[in-house]
Amino acid sequence: MTAPAGRALGDFLRSRRERLTPELVGLPPRPRRRTAGLRREEVAELADIGIDWYVRLEQGRAVTPSTATIDALAGALRLDETEHAHLRTLARRPARPAFVRERAPEGSARLVHGLARPAYLTGRRWDVLAVNAAAAELFTGIDRLPPGDRNVLVYLLLTPMARDLLGDGWAEQARHATAQFRAAFDLWAPDAAFTGLATRLRRGSPEFGRWWEHHDIAQGGAGGKVLGGRAYDYATFQANEDPGLRLTVYTPR
């Protein structure tokens, strides 16, 4: 029987397997390959685990891999640190209640609105829970979206304002945001709030649909962007009231 948590783990393993070739992992090339990537038995061999066990993992069946098995698979699939951490999280993912859009805690909301620099507070699904006047001016129109559409992914991928704001850098930023959302999505799917948002983004953005199939993941933190022709640095912080909420602050260079 396929479990929701196992399905996310299996999908991720499959996506990483399909991007590799025997040559990349030190195996001799083998003829008659009908599909791209390594075969399941090759991954099992590299990780020194049984093929039946690996097949069960990739099929999302109800199995619980040990930390040693996960680490061995990370090595076999040539995962980077972010991907390795994601695989560990998927392997131990607990059952979750249905997602409910968060509300901005009073203290965090006051902080956001009290900052002179552009700042906003987002939730686990990248919903925008609070945005100050400077951020509303920088991210034109984000505060005028219907309440249910105040979401970073919706703004970035489905509105012309975001493309105008980011210019030539739009594709890079949008693809990175897609990879960040994918990391969160894997932890929550098949929750309807996450699958519904992903479906909407696929329908409204051909680029998102192509990037989504790659199953790339990324983590947030700090970095730089060019917005409206001006360079900004940004940093992201967890909220004390709820570590799942993130405060993002932009500073012009």
Foldseek 3Di string as FASTA:
>chain_A
DADLLLQLLLLLLVLLQQVDACVVQVHDHDPDDPGGGDDLVQLCVQLVHDSVVSVCSNVRHPDQDDPSSLVSSCVSSVPDPVSSVLSVCSRPQDDDDFDDADADPPVRQCVQQPDPFWKFKAFLQQATRHTYPNVCVQQPPLVVPPNVQNGPLCSLAQDVSNCQFQPPCSLVVNLQVLQANLSSLSSNPPRVVSVVVLVVSVVRHVSSVVSVSSNHHDHDAWDWGRTNNFIWIKGWDADPVDRRMIMIGIDTD
